[in-house]
Amino acid sequence: MSRPRMRLVVTADDFGYCPRRDEGIVEAFLAGAVTSVSLLVNGAATESAAELARRHSIPTGLHANLSEGRPVGPARRGASSLLGPEGFFLGKMGFREAVAAGDVDLPQVREELEAQLSCFRELLGRAPTHVDGHQHVHVLPGVCQVFAEALQAYGVRFTRLPLERGVGGCTWLEAPARAFACAVERDARAAVGPFSRHGLRWTDAFVGLSTCGRHMSAHRVSGALARVLEGTLAGHTLTAELMAHPGYPSVPPTGGCGEGPDAFSCSWERLHELRVLTAPTLRAQLAQDGVQLCALDDLDSKRPGEEVPCEATLEAFLEPSLL
């Protein structure tokens, strides 16, 4: 069997958000289309999701959440810079604005992250395989430092670095989505230092900002991975992560993280991702392109002579976004 050009981890985010989401994620995992999941410990269905993870032996990490719903740590008991007047997190853009304004108390971020890590251990009986960030909050300035410190303290080695090659040139993305993707990319580049200093590891490449929701197709996933592979040496196997959001649409009021399900969760776009991921077309295209699906544990136990995922190989083939 020839050596693959790429070993790809397909991670389904938002596990525990609602039972219908989880049903679709498990379906994708059992079909071999998803190889890893990220669990929201403040999700409405987090306990049943943890049971599904145990039952089906699904590699499960923590989807650290600082932007949607209610906290699980000390902040839930009183006033906190992480929360609005109603006791909920500040939202996807609200949290970013508060961080940029210097209004977020980073020790409170650390407390919430530690509480979510502890909650994960209580639910699964072990540490997470990886920790990433809901809505990419983990790469925000300042937050990335306390995030890295918390993971190191808990013995977690793998995270996500959401840097997607060429995302600024993906003209099918609406202007707000493309601007957000490029902002995430800039934050991720700045997070490399803190992540590296605290011993965190990540895959050589990341894909998913350009293929989210309605924008996912076998052609676009394949194209994004092809951009990653451009210029790589023959015989070199890259590692990559595809971020995905498969599932069946939420039906209000069930779901969410304390505030009910959001519009994206209730839309057809989650089901669209599920259909693309499980269709034979994508699997056949990946096989043709020399892409082998695997779990993070597989990357952690590479065969002799294979590189491990780390920051050293990153800058060699990732270029700045066009925006």
C-alpha atoms as a PDB file:
ATOM      1  CA  MET A   1       0.000   0.000   0.000  1.00  0.00           C
ATOM      2  CA  SER A   2       1.457   3.377  -1.027  1.00  0.00           C
ATOM      3  CA  ARG A   3       2.161   6.001   1.568  1.00  0.00           C
ATOM      4  CA  PRO A   4      -0.681   8.579   1.822  1.00  0.00           C
ATOM      5  CA  ARG A   5      -0.006  12.182   0.865  1.00  0.00           C
ATOM      6  CA  MET A   6      -2.080  13.358   3.796  1.00  0.00           C
ATOM      7  CA  ARG A   7      -3.538  11.985   7.018  1.00  0.00           C
ATOM      8  CA  LEU A   8      -6.769  13.812   7.757  1.00  0.00           C
ATOM      9  CA  VAL A   9      -8.622  14.175  11.055  1.00  0.00           C
ATOM     10  CA  VAL A  10     -12.301  15.056  10.492  1.00  0.00           C
ATOM     11  CA  THR A  11     -13.639  16.721  13.644  1.00  0.00           C
ATOM     12  CA  ALA A  12     -17.336  17.309  14.254  1.00  0.00           C
ATOM     13  CA  ASP A  13     -17.795  20.353  16.461  1.00  0.00           C
ATOM     14  CA  ASP A  14     -20.632  21.133  18.900  1.00  0.00           C
ATOM     15  CA  PHE A  15     -21.230  17.590  20.170  1.00  0.00           C
ATOM     16  CA  GLY A  16     -23.715  17.907  23.034  1.00  0.00           C
ATOM     17  CA  TYR A  17     -25.524  20.915  21.552  1.00  0.00           C
ATOM     18  CA  CYS A  18     -28.783  19.023  21.057  1.00  0.00           C
ATOM     19  CA  PRO A  19     -29.917  15.398  20.584  1.00  0.00           C
ATOM     20  CA  ARG A  20     -30.608  15.855  16.861  1.00  0.00           C
ATOM     21  CA  ARG A  21     -27.170  17.306  16.278  1.00  0.00           C
ATOM     22  CA  ASP A  22     -25.622  14.421  18.174  1.00  0.00           C
ATOM     23  CA  GLU A  23     -27.637  11.860  16.217  1.00  0.00           C
ATOM     24  CA  GLY A  24     -26.170  13.158  12.964  1.00  0.00           C
ATOM     25  CA  ILE A  25     -22.642  13.303  14.351  1.00  0.00           C
ATOM     26  CA  VAL A  26     -22.803   9.703  15.552  1.00  0.00           C
ATOM     27  CA  GLU A  27     -24.223   8.648  12.190  1.00  0.00           C
ATOM     28  CA  ALA A  28     -21.263  10.299  10.456  1.00  0.00           C
ATOM     29  CA  PHE A  29     -18.794   8.673  12.850  1.00  0.00           C
ATOM     30  CA  LEU A  30     -20.257   5.190  12.352  1.00  0.00           C
ATOM     31  CA  ALA A  31     -20.118   5.747   8.591  1.00  0.00           C
ATOM     32  CA  GLY A  32     -16.399   6.499   8.879  1.00  0.00           C
ATOM     33  CA  ALA A  33     -16.866  10.094   7.694  1.00  0.00           C
ATOM     34  CA  VAL A  34     -16.008  11.733  11.047  1.00  0.00           C
ATOM     35  CA  THR A  35     -13.039  10.578  13.109  1.00  0.00           C
ATOM     36  CA  SER A  36     -13.211  12.868  16.142  1.00  0.00           C
ATOM     37  CA  VAL A  37     -15.708  15.059  18.013  1.00  0.00           C
ATOM     38  CA  SER A  38     -15.475  18.167  20.193  1.00  0.00           C
ATOM     39  CA  LEU A  39     -17.870  18.243  23.160  1.00  0.00           C
ATOM     40  CA  LEU A  40     -19.601  21.325  24.559  1.00  0.00           C
ATOM     41  CA  VAL A  41     -19.809  20.663  28.297  1.00  0.00           C
ATOM     42  CA  ASN A  42     -22.386  23.452  28.692  1.00  0.00           C
ATOM     43  CA  GLY A  43     -24.538  22.049  25.881  1.00  0.00           C
ATOM     44  CA  ALA A  44     -28.150  21.049  26.461  1.00  0.00           C
ATOM     45  CA  ALA A  45     -27.397  17.410  25.603  1.00  0.00           C
ATOM     46  CA  THR A  46     -23.872  17.080  26.975  1.00  0.00           C
ATOM     47  CA  GLU A  47     -24.628  14.145  29.318  1.00  0.00           C
ATOM     48  CA  SER A  48     -26.315  12.045  26.646  1.00  0.00           C
ATOM     49  CA  ALA A  49     -23.532  12.993  24.209  1.00  0.00           C
ATOM     50  CA  ALA A  50     -20.911  11.750  26.686  1.00  0.00           C
ATOM     51  CA  GLU A  51     -22.815   8.463  26.940  1.00  0.00           C
ATOM     52  CA  LEU A  52     -22.831   8.162  23.133  1.00  0.00           C
ATOM     53  CA  ALA A  53     -19.079   8.818  23.070  1.00  0.00           C
ATOM     54  CA  ARG A  54     -18.491   6.022  25.583  1.00  0.00           C
ATOM     55  CA  ARG A  55     -20.865   3.594  23.870  1.00  0.00           C
ATOM     56  CA  HIS A  56     -19.327   4.033  20.426  1.00  0.00           C
ATOM     57  CA  SER A  57     -15.708   4.675  21.547  1.00  0.00           C
ATOM     58  CA  ILE A  58     -15.644   8.039  19.794  1.00  0.00           C
ATOM     59  CA  PRO A  59     -12.393  10.001  20.197  1.00  0.00           C
ATOM     60  CA  THR A  60     -13.656  13.060  22.069  1.00  0.00           C
ATOM     61  CA  GLY A  61     -12.114  16.408  22.866  1.00  0.00           C
ATOM     62  CA  LEU A  62     -13.379  19.539  24.578  1.00  0.00           C
ATOM     63  CA  HIS A  63     -14.968  22.374  22.605  1.00  0.00           C
ATOM     64  CA  ALA A  64     -14.047  25.153  25.032  1.00  0.00           C
ATOM     65  CA  ASN A  65     -16.879  27.673  25.078  1.00  0.00           C
ATOM     66  CA  LEU A  66     -16.523  31.274  26.230  1.00  0.00           C
ATOM     67  CA  SER A  67     -19.032  32.897  23.895  1.00  0.00           C
ATOM     68  CA  GLU A  68     -22.392  31.078  23.876  1.00  0.00           C
ATOM     69  CA  GLY A  69     -24.781  30.180  26.673  1.00  0.00           C
ATOM     70  CA  ARG A  70     -24.120  29.811  30.388  1.00  0.00           C
ATOM     71  CA  PRO A  71     -20.753  29.158  32.082  1.00  0.00           C
ATOM     72  CA  VAL A  72     -20.026  26.051  34.137  1.00  0.00           C
ATOM     73  CA  GLY A  73     -17.430  27.651  36.433  1.00  0.00           C
ATOM     74  CA  PRO A  74     -17.475  30.260  39.228  1.00  0.00           C
ATOM     75  CA  ALA A  75     -18.851  32.924  36.852  1.00  0.00           C
ATOM     76  CA  ARG A  76     -22.281  31.300  37.018  1.00  0.00           C
ATOM     77  CA  ARG A  77     -22.599  32.346  40.682  1.00  0.00           C
ATOM     78  CA  GLY A  78     -22.277  36.079  40.221  1.00  0.00           C
ATOM     79  CA  ALA A  79     -20.979  39.053  38.268  1.00  0.00           C
ATOM     80  CA  SER A  80     -18.224  38.287  35.768  1.00  0.00           C
ATOM     81  CA  SER A  81     -16.500  40.061  32.901  1.00  0.00           C
ATOM     82  CA  LEU A  82     -17.393  37.019  30.765  1.00  0.00           C
ATOM     83  CA  LEU A  83     -21.145  37.544  31.113  1.00  0.00           C
ATOM     84  CA  GLY A  84     -23.849  39.968  30.083  1.00  0.00           C
ATOM     85  CA  PRO A  85     -26.644  41.210  32.360  1.00  0.00           C
ATOM     86  CA  GLU A  86     -28.751  38.080  31.810  1.00  0.00           C
ATOM     87  CA  GLY A  87     -25.978  35.756  32.963  1.00  0.00           C
ATOM     88  CA  PHE A  88     -25.032  34.464  29.517  1.00  0.00           C
ATOM     89  CA  PHE A  89     -21.710  34.663  27.685  1.00  0.00           C
ATOM     90  CA  LEU A  90     -21.315  37.777  25.526  1.00  0.00           C
ATOM     91  CA  GLY A  91     -21.747  36.090  22.139  1.00  0.00           C
ATOM     92  CA  LYS A  92     -19.500  35.374  19.174  1.00  0.00           C
ATOM     93  CA  MET A  93     -18.720  39.017  18.366  1.00  0.00           C
ATOM     94  CA  GLY A  94     -19.510  40.455  21.805  1.00  0.00           C
ATOM     95  CA  PHE A  95     -16.771  38.408  23.445  1.00  0.00           C
ATOM     96  CA  ARG A  96     -14.284  39.436  20.766  1.00  0.00           C
ATOM     97  CA  GLU A  97     -15.159  43.090  21.238  1.00  0.00           C
ATOM     98  CA  ALA A  98     -14.788  42.804  25.014  1.00  0.00           C
ATOM     99  CA  VAL A  99     -11.374  41.132  24.654  1.00  0.00           C
ATOM    100  CA  ALA A 100     -10.218  43.826  22.221  1.00  0.00           C
ATOM    101  CA  ALA A 101     -11.383  46.556  24.608  1.00  0.00           C
ATOM    102  CA  GLY A 102      -9.521  44.991  27.524  1.00  0.00           C
ATOM    103  CA  ASP A 103     -12.770  44.375  29.392  1.00  0.00           C
ATOM    104  CA  VAL A 104     -12.259  40.634  29.919  1.00  0.00           C
ATOM    105  CA  ASP A 105     -10.560  39.501  33.123  1.00  0.00           C
ATOM    106  CA  LEU A 106      -8.168  36.793  31.948  1.00  0.00           C
ATOM    107  CA  PRO A 107      -7.986  35.040  35.343  1.00  0.00           C
ATOM    108  CA  GLN A 108     -11.753  34.566  35.005  1.00  0.00           C
ATOM    109  CA  VAL A 109     -11.141  33.018  31.574  1.00  0.00           C
ATOM    110  CA  ARG A 110      -8.667  30.632  33.188  1.00  0.00           C
ATOM    111  CA  GLU A 111     -11.205  29.690  35.888  1.00  0.00           C
ATOM    112  CA  GLU A 112     -13.881  28.931  33.305  1.00  0.00           C
ATOM    113  CA  LEU A 113     -11.521  26.864  31.155  1.00  0.00           C
ATOM    114  CA  GLU A 114     -10.411  24.860  34.183  1.00  0.00           C
ATOM    115  CA  ALA A 115     -14.041  24.288  35.167  1.00  0.00           C
ATOM    116  CA  GLN A 116     -14.850  23.005  31.672  1.00  0.00           C
ATOM    117  CA  LEU A 117     -11.829  20.706  31.694  1.00  0.00           C
ATOM    118  CA  SER A 118     -12.905  19.327  35.071  1.00  0.00           C
ATOM    119  CA  CYS A 119     -16.475  18.895  33.858  1.00  0.00           C
ATOM    120  CA  PHE A 120     -15.209  16.966  30.839  1.00  0.00           C
ATOM    121  CA  ARG A 121     -13.251  14.612  33.080  1.00  0.00           C
ATOM    122  CA  GLU A 122     -16.330  14.036  35.234  1.00  0.00           C
ATOM    123  CA  LEU A 123     -18.439  13.227  32.164  1.00  0.00           C
ATOM    124  CA  LEU A 124     -15.963  10.976  30.336  1.00  0.00           C
ATOM    125  CA  GLY A 125     -13.735   9.736  33.146  1.00  0.00           C
ATOM    126  CA  ARG A 126     -10.588  10.885  31.359  1.00  0.00           C
ATOM    127  CA  ALA A 127      -8.864  13.930  29.913  1.00  0.00           C
ATOM    128  CA  PRO A 128      -9.936  15.155  26.447  1.00  0.00           C
ATOM    129  CA  THR A 129      -8.022  13.937  23.395  1.00  0.00           C
ATOM    130  CA  HIS A 130      -7.743  17.581  22.358  1.00  0.00           C
ATOM    131  CA  VAL A 131      -9.167  20.988  23.198  1.00  0.00           C
ATOM    132  CA  ASP A 132     -10.254  23.556  20.620  1.00  0.00           C
ATOM    133  CA  GLY A 133     -12.437  26.652  20.894  1.00  0.00           C
ATOM    134  CA  HIS A 134     -16.100  27.230  20.101  1.00  0.00           C
ATOM    135  CA  GLN A 135     -16.170  30.002  17.491  1.00  0.00           C
ATOM    136  CA  HIS A 136     -12.348  29.975  17.667  1.00  0.00           C
ATOM    137  CA  VAL A 137     -12.222  31.917  20.952  1.00  0.00           C
ATOM    138  CA  HIS A 138      -9.085  30.028  22.000  1.00  0.00           C
ATOM    139  CA  VAL A 139      -6.823  31.951  19.607  1.00  0.00           C
ATOM    140  CA  LEU A 140      -7.902  35.444  20.677  1.00  0.00           C
ATOM    141  CA  PRO A 141      -5.150  37.717  22.051  1.00  0.00           C
ATOM    142  CA  GLY A 142      -4.570  37.109  25.738  1.00  0.00           C
ATOM    143  CA  VAL A 143      -7.067  34.261  25.805  1.00  0.00           C
ATOM    144  CA  CYS A 144      -4.637  32.054  23.871  1.00  0.00           C
ATOM    145  CA  GLN A 145      -2.047  32.463  26.648  1.00  0.00           C
ATOM    146  CA  VAL A 146      -4.310  31.353  29.509  1.00  0.00           C
ATOM    147  CA  PHE A 147      -5.776  28.658  27.254  1.00  0.00           C
ATOM    148  CA  ALA A 148      -2.296  27.219  26.648  1.00  0.00           C
ATOM    149  CA  GLU A 149      -1.460  27.412  30.348  1.00  0.00           C
ATOM    150  CA  ALA A 150      -4.647  25.574  31.316  1.00  0.00           C
ATOM    151  CA  LEU A 151      -4.099  22.809  28.768  1.00  0.00           C
ATOM    152  CA  GLN A 152      -0.511  22.307  29.858  1.00  0.00           C
ATOM    153  CA  ALA A 153      -1.595  22.085  33.490  1.00  0.00           C
ATOM    154  CA  TYR A 154      -4.188  19.432  32.598  1.00  0.00           C
ATOM    155  CA  GLY A 155      -1.792  17.424  30.448  1.00  0.00           C
ATOM    156  CA  VAL A 156      -3.621  18.071  27.158  1.00  0.00           C
ATOM    157  CA  ARG A 157      -1.244  18.249  24.208  1.00  0.00           C
ATOM    158  CA  PHE A 158      -3.393  18.680  21.100  1.00  0.00           C
ATOM    159  CA  THR A 159      -5.281  21.769  20.011  1.00  0.00           C
ATOM    160  CA  ARG A 160      -6.532  23.315  16.783  1.00  0.00           C
ATOM    161  CA  LEU A 161      -4.753  26.088  14.913  1.00  0.00           C
ATOM    162  CA  PRO A 162      -7.413  27.519  12.538  1.00  0.00           C
ATOM    163  CA  LEU A 163      -5.118  28.698   9.767  1.00  0.00           C
ATOM    164  CA  GLU A 164      -6.519  27.784   6.356  1.00  0.00           C
ATOM    165  CA  ARG A 165      -4.314  28.353   3.362  1.00  0.00           C
ATOM    166  CA  GLY A 166      -5.885  30.645   0.764  1.00  0.00           C
ATOM    167  CA  VAL A 167      -9.104  31.369   2.671  1.00  0.00           C
ATOM    168  CA  GLY A 168      -8.898  35.049   1.734  1.00  0.00           C
ATOM    169  CA  GLY A 169      -9.266  34.101  -1.921  1.00  0.00           C
ATOM    170  CA  CYS A 170     -12.400  31.999  -1.436  1.00  0.00           C
ATOM    171  CA  THR A 171     -14.777  34.284  -3.324  1.00  0.00           C
ATOM    172  CA  TRP A 172     -17.849  32.130  -2.601  1.00  0.00           C
ATOM    173  CA  LEU A 173     -17.740  33.277   1.016  1.00  0.00           C
ATOM    174  CA  GLU A 174     -19.946  36.260   1.791  1.00  0.00           C
ATOM    175  CA  ALA A 175     -17.963  39.365   2.778  1.00  0.00           C
ATOM    176  CA  PRO A 176     -18.719  39.097   6.544  1.00  0.00           C
ATOM    177  CA  ALA A 177     -17.805  35.401   6.615  1.00  0.00           C
ATOM    178  CA  ARG A 178     -14.577  36.010   4.714  1.00  0.00           C
ATOM    179  CA  ALA A 179     -13.637  38.923   6.983  1.00  0.00           C
ATOM    180  CA  PHE A 180     -14.284  36.774  10.051  1.00  0.00           C
ATOM    181  CA  ALA A 181     -12.218  33.902   8.620  1.00  0.00           C
ATOM    182  CA  CYS A 182      -9.299  36.233   7.949  1.00  0.00           C
ATOM    183  CA  ALA A 183      -9.539  37.699  11.453  1.00  0.00           C
ATOM    184  CA  VAL A 184      -9.453  34.174  12.892  1.00  0.00           C
ATOM    185  CA  GLU A 185      -6.395  33.463  10.755  1.00  0.00           C
ATOM    186  CA  ARG A 186      -4.575  36.550  12.051  1.00  0.00           C
ATOM    187  CA  ASP A 187      -5.340  35.614  15.647  1.00  0.00           C
ATOM    188  CA  ALA A 188      -4.205  32.027  15.040  1.00  0.00           C
ATOM    189  CA  ARG A 189      -0.856  33.179  13.693  1.00  0.00           C
ATOM    190  CA  ALA A 190      -0.296  35.242  16.828  1.00  0.00           C
ATOM    191  CA  ALA A 191      -1.281  32.259  19.010  1.00  0.00           C
ATOM    192  CA  VAL A 192       1.529  30.065  17.629  1.00  0.00           C
ATOM    193  CA  GLY A 193       4.022  31.497  20.136  1.00  0.00           C
ATOM    194  CA  PRO A 194       2.011  30.889  23.326  1.00  0.00           C
ATOM    195  CA  PHE A 195       0.878  27.479  22.100  1.00  0.00           C
ATOM    196  CA  SER A 196       4.443  26.425  21.298  1.00  0.00           C
ATOM    197  CA  ARG A 197       5.886  27.675  24.582  1.00  0.00           C
ATOM    198  CA  HIS A 198       3.407  25.522  26.506  1.00  0.00           C
ATOM    199  CA  GLY A 199       4.081  22.364  24.502  1.00  0.00           C
ATOM    200  CA  LEU A 200       0.862  22.263  22.502  1.00  0.00           C
ATOM    201  CA  ARG A 201       0.703  20.458  19.169  1.00  0.00           C
ATOM    202  CA  TRP A 202      -1.609  20.704  16.188  1.00  0.00           C
ATOM    203  CA  THR A 203      -1.906  19.275  12.704  1.00  0.00           C
ATOM    204  CA  ASP A 204       0.279  20.636   9.924  1.00  0.00           C
ATOM    205  CA  ALA A 205      -2.745  22.203   8.261  1.00  0.00           C
ATOM    206  CA  PHE A 206      -6.366  23.129   8.898  1.00  0.00           C
ATOM    207  CA  VAL A 207      -9.417  23.304   6.625  1.00  0.00           C
ATOM    208  CA  GLY A 208     -12.978  24.298   7.435  1.00  0.00           C
ATOM    209  CA  LEU A 209     -13.367  28.070   7.368  1.00  0.00           C
ATOM    210  CA  SER A 210     -14.072  27.952   3.620  1.00  0.00           C
ATOM    211  CA  THR A 211     -16.279  24.847   3.709  1.00  0.00           C
ATOM    212  CA  CYS A 212     -18.706  25.629   6.529  1.00  0.00           C
ATOM    213  CA  GLY A 213     -22.433  24.978   6.161  1.00  0.00           C
ATOM    214  CA  ARG A 214     -23.844  25.701   2.719  1.00  0.00           C
ATOM    215  CA  HIS A 215     -20.328  26.176   1.363  1.00  0.00           C
ATOM    216  CA  MET A 216     -19.326  22.562   1.910  1.00  0.00           C
ATOM    217  CA  SER A 217     -19.022  20.331  -1.146  1.00  0.00           C
ATOM    218  CA  ALA A 218     -16.766  17.468  -2.145  1.00  0.00           C
ATOM    219  CA  HIS A 219     -15.169  19.770  -4.714  1.00  0.00           C
ATOM    220  CA  ARG A 220     -14.405  22.529  -2.208  1.00  0.00           C
ATOM    221  CA  VAL A 221     -13.075  20.195   0.473  1.00  0.00           C
ATOM    222  CA  SER A 222     -10.840  18.544  -2.095  1.00  0.00           C
ATOM    223  CA  GLY A 223      -9.730  21.941  -3.389  1.00  0.00           C
ATOM    224  CA  ALA A 224      -8.885  23.218   0.078  1.00  0.00           C
ATOM    225  CA  LEU A 225      -6.806  20.113   0.788  1.00  0.00           C
ATOM    226  CA  ALA A 226      -5.109  20.447  -2.611  1.00  0.00           C
ATOM    227  CA  ARG A 227      -4.033  24.004  -1.690  1.00  0.00           C
ATOM    228  CA  VAL A 228      -2.457  22.588   1.444  1.00  0.00           C
ATOM    229  CA  LEU A 229      -0.590  19.957  -0.536  1.00  0.00           C
ATOM    230  CA  GLU A 230       0.859  22.407  -3.077  1.00  0.00           C
ATOM    231  CA  GLY A 231       4.629  22.422  -2.979  1.00  0.00           C
ATOM    232  CA  THR A 232       5.039  19.519  -0.548  1.00  0.00           C
ATOM    233  CA  LEU A 233       7.904  17.164  -1.185  1.00  0.00           C
ATOM    234  CA  ALA A 234       7.272  13.759  -2.700  1.00  0.00           C
ATOM    235  CA  GLY A 235       7.089  11.091  -0.019  1.00  0.00           C
ATOM    236  CA  HIS A 236       6.197  13.581   2.713  1.00  0.00           C
ATOM    237  CA  THR A 237       2.914  12.905   4.506  1.00  0.00           C
ATOM    238  CA  LEU A 238       1.176  15.984   5.835  1.00  0.00           C
ATOM    239  CA  THR A 239      -1.333  15.978   8.663  1.00  0.00           C
ATOM    240  CA  ALA A 240      -4.486  18.073   8.487  1.00  0.00           C
ATOM    241  CA  GLU A 241      -7.762  18.673  10.278  1.00  0.00           C
ATOM    242  CA  LEU A 242     -11.115  19.260   8.605  1.00  0.00           C
ATOM    243  CA  MET A 243     -13.530  21.121  10.895  1.00  0.00           C
ATOM    244  CA  ALA A 244     -17.133  20.071  10.297  1.00  0.00           C
ATOM    245  CA  HIS A 245     -20.583  20.755  11.743  1.00  0.00           C
ATOM    246  CA  PRO A 246     -22.796  17.834  10.691  1.00  0.00           C
ATOM    247  CA  GLY A 247     -26.124  17.010  12.273  1.00  0.00           C
ATOM    248  CA  TYR A 248     -29.866  17.113  11.953  1.00  0.00           C
ATOM    249  CA  PRO A 249     -31.414  20.576  12.412  1.00  0.00           C
ATOM    250  CA  SER A 250     -32.339  21.569  15.944  1.00  0.00           C
ATOM    251  CA  VAL A 251     -36.019  22.089  16.711  1.00  0.00           C
ATOM    252  CA  PRO A 252     -36.592  24.910  19.232  1.00  0.00           C
ATOM    253  CA  PRO A 253     -36.686  25.118  22.156  1.00  0.00           C
ATOM    254  CA  THR A 254     -34.523  21.983  22.449  1.00  0.00           C
ATOM    255  CA  GLY A 255     -30.795  22.535  22.164  1.00  0.00           C
ATOM    256  CA  GLY A 256     -28.218  25.220  22.664  1.00  0.00           C
ATOM    257  CA  CYS A 257     -26.105  26.084  25.681  1.00  0.00           C
ATOM    258  CA  GLY A 258     -28.761  27.669  27.866  1.00  0.00           C
ATOM    259  CA  GLU A 259     -30.326  30.159  25.465  1.00  0.00           C
ATOM    260  CA  GLY A 260     -31.916  27.724  23.018  1.00  0.00           C
ATOM    261  CA  PRO A 261     -30.534  26.732  19.595  1.00  0.00           C
ATOM    262  CA  ASP A 262     -29.168  29.402  17.252  1.00  0.00           C
ATOM    263  CA  ALA A 263     -30.257  29.980  13.652  1.00  0.00           C
ATOM    264  CA  PHE A 264     -27.358  28.006  12.135  1.00  0.00           C
ATOM    265  CA  SER A 265     -28.229  25.011  14.300  1.00  0.00           C
ATOM    266  CA  CYS A 266     -31.850  25.103  13.148  1.00  0.00           C
ATOM    267  CA  SER A 267     -31.001  25.545   9.466  1.00  0.00           C
ATOM    268  CA  TRP A 268     -30.648  22.993   6.679  1.00  0.00           C
ATOM    269  CA  GLU A 269     -26.903  23.692   6.536  1.00  0.00           C
ATOM    270  CA  ARG A 270     -26.073  21.173   9.274  1.00  0.00           C
ATOM    271  CA  LEU A 271     -27.891  18.443   7.373  1.00  0.00           C
ATOM    272  CA  HIS A 272     -26.137  19.541   4.184  1.00  0.00           C
ATOM    273  CA  GLU A 273     -22.739  18.994   5.815  1.00  0.00           C
ATOM    274  CA  LEU A 274     -23.851  15.571   7.047  1.00  0.00           C
ATOM    275  CA  ARG A 275     -24.910  14.561   3.544  1.00  0.00           C
ATOM    276  CA  VAL A 276     -21.676  15.806   1.938  1.00  0.00           C
ATOM    277  CA  LEU A 277     -19.469  14.068   4.503  1.00  0.00           C
ATOM    278  CA  THR A 278     -21.238  10.696   4.265  1.00  0.00           C
ATOM    279  CA  ALA A 279     -21.749  10.652   0.493  1.00  0.00           C
ATOM    280  CA  PRO A 280     -19.543   8.285  -1.564  1.00  0.00           C
ATOM    281  CA  THR A 281     -18.416  11.231  -3.728  1.00  0.00           C
ATOM    282  CA  LEU A 282     -16.227  12.823  -1.058  1.00  0.00           C
ATOM    283  CA  ARG A 283     -14.781   9.536   0.155  1.00  0.00           C
ATOM    284  CA  ALA A 284     -13.859   8.550  -3.395  1.00  0.00           C
ATOM    285  CA  GLN A 285     -12.278  11.943  -4.080  1.00  0.00           C
ATOM    286  CA  LEU A 286     -10.201  11.806  -0.898  1.00  0.00           C
ATOM    287  CA  ALA A 287      -8.968   8.322  -1.739  1.00  0.00           C
ATOM    288  CA  GLN A 288      -8.070   9.465  -5.251  1.00  0.00           C
ATOM    289  CA  ASP A 289      -6.142  12.411  -3.816  1.00  0.00           C
ATOM    290  CA  GLY A 290      -4.140  10.170  -1.480  1.00  0.00           C
ATOM    291  CA  VAL A 291      -5.887  11.395   1.680  1.00  0.00           C
ATOM    292  CA  GLN A 292      -6.261   8.880   4.511  1.00  0.00           C
ATOM    293  CA  LEU A 293      -8.739   9.546   7.325  1.00  0.00           C
ATOM    294  CA  CYS A 294      -7.504   8.993  10.855  1.00  0.00           C
ATOM    295  CA  ALA A 295      -7.985  10.031  14.485  1.00  0.00           C
ATOM    296  CA  LEU A 296      -5.688  12.250  16.544  1.00  0.00           C
ATOM    297  CA  ASP A 297      -4.514   9.183  18.441  1.00  0.00           C
ATOM    298  CA  ASP A 298      -3.224   7.807  15.136  1.00  0.00           C
ATOM    299  CA  LEU A 299      -1.159  10.954  14.604  1.00  0.00           C
ATOM    300  CA  ASP A 300       0.255  10.640  18.104  1.00  0.00           C
ATOM    301  CA  SER A 301       1.591   7.163  17.334  1.00  0.00           C
ATOM    302  CA  LYS A 302       3.131   7.689  13.916  1.00  0.00           C
ATOM    303  CA  ARG A 303       5.350   5.089  12.357  1.00  0.00           C
ATOM    304  CA  PRO A 304       9.137   5.516  12.613  1.00  0.00           C
ATOM    305  CA  GLY A 305      10.409   8.135  10.204  1.00  0.00           C
ATOM    306  CA  GLU A 306       7.144  10.084  10.057  1.00  0.00           C
ATOM    307  CA  GLU A 307       6.971  13.642  11.330  1.00  0.00           C
ATOM    308  CA  VAL A 308       4.774  14.610  14.253  1.00  0.00           C
ATOM    309  CA  PRO A 309       2.374  17.529  13.921  1.00  0.00           C
ATOM    310  CA  CYS A 310       3.920  20.682  15.329  1.00  0.00           C
ATOM    311  CA  GLU A 311       4.554  24.327  14.590  1.00  0.00           C
ATOM    312  CA  ALA A 312       7.878  23.615  12.890  1.00  0.00           C
ATOM    313  CA  THR A 313       6.274  22.520   9.616  1.00  0.00           C
ATOM    314  CA  LEU A 314       3.547  25.145   9.620  1.00  0.00           C
ATOM    315  CA  GLU A 315       5.079  28.293   8.205  1.00  0.00           C
ATOM    316  CA  ALA A 316       6.823  26.447   5.404  1.00  0.00           C
ATOM    317  CA  PHE A 317       3.629  26.121   3.399  1.00  0.00           C
ATOM    318  CA  LEU A 318       1.041  28.469   4.925  1.00  0.00           C
ATOM    319  CA  GLU A 319       0.891  31.914   3.402  1.00  0.00           C
ATOM    320  CA  PRO A 320      -0.927  35.016   4.670  1.00  0.00           C
ATOM    321  CA  SER A 321      -4.541  35.393   3.607  1.00  0.00           C
ATOM    322  CA  LEU A 322      -5.327  37.770   0.749  1.00  0.00           C
ATOM    323  CA  LEU A 323      -7.358  39.960   3.142  1.00  0.00           C
END
